[in-house]
Amino acid sequence: MNYTIVGLFPSQENIKEVSAGIEKSGIRNQDYIIYRTDQENAPDVKKNFWAKLFKTQKAVHIAPDHLITSVSVKNEEEFKNVKKSFEANKAVKIYEFKDMTIDEAKDLNYIKKIVALRAKSHIYALPEITLSPAQMN
């Protein structure tokens, strides 16, 4: 089993908790990446990419200083522990990628591209919805 788990967190303020939770899960420092946004130099398009992509039925407001983390897991136990850690640290969204290496995950643009493709495939896979005339009134 070789997975990379990508988590989006609402703020960089909880970076220490996220990092501690990952390491408590038994993950070594070289097996995870925490991407930080340089608020001074990041264009608005980059700041808004994740917020637009992860909107749900219920509005989720993501601060411009969001935190993105990628973790490479080797077995089912690590996988479960990292997911629990992400959930405990209030991850807004968690994505799992089979056979993505930590070297591939080092490129944030690659992560964004893969996440966008995954999100689009979920949209296109939704069943077609039809309304009866009674529901349209």
Protein backbone atom coordinates (compact mmCIF):
# COMPACT_ATOMS: atom_id res chain seq x y z
CA MET A 1 0.00 0.00 0.00
CA ASN A 2 1.42 3.36 -1.01
CA TYR A 3 -0.84 6.38 -0.55
CA THR A 4 -0.39 10.09 -0.21
CA ILE A 5 -3.04 11.83 1.85
CA VAL A 6 -3.58 15.55 1.22
CA GLY A 7 -5.38 17.61 3.83
CA LEU A 8 -6.61 21.18 3.71
CA PHE A 9 -6.85 22.99 7.04
CA PRO A 10 -8.59 26.31 7.67
CA SER A 11 -5.58 28.18 9.02
CA GLN A 12 -1.82 28.08 9.43
CA GLU A 13 -2.36 28.86 13.12
CA ASN A 14 -2.74 25.16 13.91
CA ILE A 15 0.44 24.12 12.07
CA LYS A 16 2.07 22.83 15.27
CA GLU A 17 -0.95 20.70 16.17
CA VAL A 18 -1.17 19.25 12.66
CA SER A 19 2.55 18.46 12.65
CA ALA A 20 2.43 16.94 16.14
CA GLY A 21 -0.61 14.83 15.21
CA ILE A 22 1.13 13.48 12.11
CA GLU A 23 4.29 12.60 14.03
CA LYS A 24 2.22 11.04 16.83
CA SER A 25 0.71 8.82 14.11
CA GLY A 26 4.19 7.35 13.58
CA ILE A 27 5.01 9.27 10.40
CA ARG A 28 8.63 10.36 10.00
CA ASN A 29 9.49 13.98 9.26
CA GLN A 30 10.70 13.13 5.73
CA ASP A 31 7.35 11.47 4.90
CA TYR A 32 5.19 14.55 5.14
CA ILE A 33 5.11 18.07 3.73
CA ILE A 34 3.41 21.14 5.14
CA TYR A 35 2.97 23.87 2.54
CA ARG A 36 2.80 27.40 3.84
CA THR A 37 1.30 30.35 2.01
CA ASP A 38 3.38 33.50 1.88
CA GLN A 39 0.54 35.96 2.46
CA GLU A 40 2.63 38.94 1.42
CA ASN A 41 3.52 37.61 -2.04
CA ALA A 42 0.73 35.17 -2.93
CA PRO A 43 -1.61 36.46 -5.63
CA ASP A 44 -5.35 36.42 -4.87
CA VAL A 45 -5.87 33.68 -7.44
CA LYS A 46 -3.66 31.31 -5.47
CA LYS A 47 -5.26 32.29 -2.18
CA ASN A 48 -8.76 31.58 -3.52
CA PHE A 49 -8.03 28.34 -5.45
CA TRP A 50 -8.58 25.97 -2.53
CA ALA A 51 -11.54 27.89 -1.13
CA LYS A 52 -13.36 27.74 -4.49
CA LEU A 53 -12.51 24.10 -5.05
CA PHE A 54 -13.68 22.81 -1.66
CA LYS A 55 -17.01 24.60 -1.32
CA THR A 56 -19.67 22.25 -0.06
CA GLN A 57 -23.44 22.41 0.28
CA LYS A 58 -22.87 24.21 3.56
CA ALA A 59 -20.70 27.28 3.05
CA VAL A 60 -17.16 26.74 4.29
CA HIS A 61 -15.20 29.92 4.86
CA ILE A 62 -11.49 29.29 4.47
CA ALA A 63 -9.12 31.95 5.70
CA PRO A 64 -6.59 33.18 3.16
CA ASP A 65 -3.84 31.71 5.33
CA HIS A 66 -4.98 28.08 4.84
CA LEU A 67 -2.65 25.15 5.49
CA ILE A 68 -2.10 22.29 3.06
CA THR A 69 -0.38 19.06 4.13
CA SER A 70 0.68 15.92 2.23
CA VAL A 71 1.58 12.70 4.02
CA SER A 72 3.01 9.51 2.52
CA VAL A 73 1.69 6.36 4.19
CA LYS A 74 2.95 2.82 3.73
CA ASN A 75 0.31 0.69 5.44
CA GLU A 76 -3.31 0.60 6.56
CA GLU A 77 -2.50 1.52 10.17
CA GLU A 78 -0.60 4.68 9.15
CA PHE A 79 -3.42 5.52 6.74
CA LYS A 80 -6.08 5.33 9.48
CA ASN A 81 -3.93 7.20 12.00
CA VAL A 82 -3.19 10.09 9.63
CA LYS A 83 -6.86 10.41 8.65
CA LYS A 84 -7.83 10.48 12.35
CA SER A 85 -5.16 13.11 12.98
CA PHE A 86 -6.42 15.24 10.08
CA GLU A 87 -10.00 14.95 11.29
CA ALA A 88 -8.99 15.77 14.90
CA ASN A 89 -7.27 18.92 13.61
CA LYS A 90 -10.41 19.98 11.72
CA ALA A 91 -9.30 19.32 8.15
CA VAL A 92 -11.72 20.98 5.74
CA LYS A 93 -11.09 18.36 3.06
CA ILE A 94 -9.04 15.16 2.83
CA TYR A 95 -7.96 13.57 -0.44
CA GLU A 96 -6.31 10.16 -0.84
CA PHE A 97 -4.06 9.42 -3.81
CA LYS A 98 -2.93 5.89 -4.53
CA ASP A 99 0.65 5.48 -5.79
CA MET A 100 1.59 9.18 -5.49
CA THR A 101 5.12 9.46 -4.16
CA ILE A 102 6.25 12.03 -1.63
CA ASP A 103 8.59 13.40 -4.31
CA GLU A 104 5.59 14.08 -6.57
CA ALA A 105 3.78 15.65 -3.63
CA LYS A 106 6.63 18.13 -3.12
CA ASP A 107 5.31 20.08 -6.09
CA LEU A 108 2.29 22.06 -4.84
CA ASN A 109 1.23 22.86 -8.41
CA TYR A 110 1.09 19.13 -9.15
CA ILE A 111 -1.07 18.57 -6.06
CA LYS A 112 -3.41 21.38 -7.16
CA LYS A 113 -3.70 19.89 -10.65
CA ILE A 114 -4.50 16.39 -9.37
CA VAL A 115 -7.01 17.69 -6.80
CA ALA A 116 -8.73 19.80 -9.48
CA LEU A 117 -8.99 16.77 -11.77
CA ARG A 118 -10.41 14.66 -8.95
CA ALA A 119 -12.96 17.36 -8.07
CA LYS A 120 -14.04 17.70 -11.71
CA SER A 121 -14.44 13.94 -12.07
CA HIS A 122 -16.73 13.91 -9.02
CA ILE A 123 -18.87 16.65 -10.56
CA TYR A 124 -19.15 14.85 -13.90
CA ALA A 125 -19.98 11.56 -12.16
CA LEU A 126 -23.03 13.00 -10.38
CA PRO A 127 -26.30 11.46 -11.57
CA GLU A 128 -28.55 13.60 -13.72
CA ILE A 129 -31.37 15.17 -11.75
CA THR A 130 -34.81 15.64 -13.23
CA LEU A 131 -37.68 17.51 -11.63
CA SER A 132 -41.31 16.63 -12.05
CA PRO A 133 -43.68 19.50 -12.94
CA ALA A 134 -45.04 19.47 -9.37
CA GLN A 135 -41.54 20.05 -7.95
CA MET A 136 -40.92 22.99 -10.28
CA ASN A 137 -43.75 25.09 -8.82
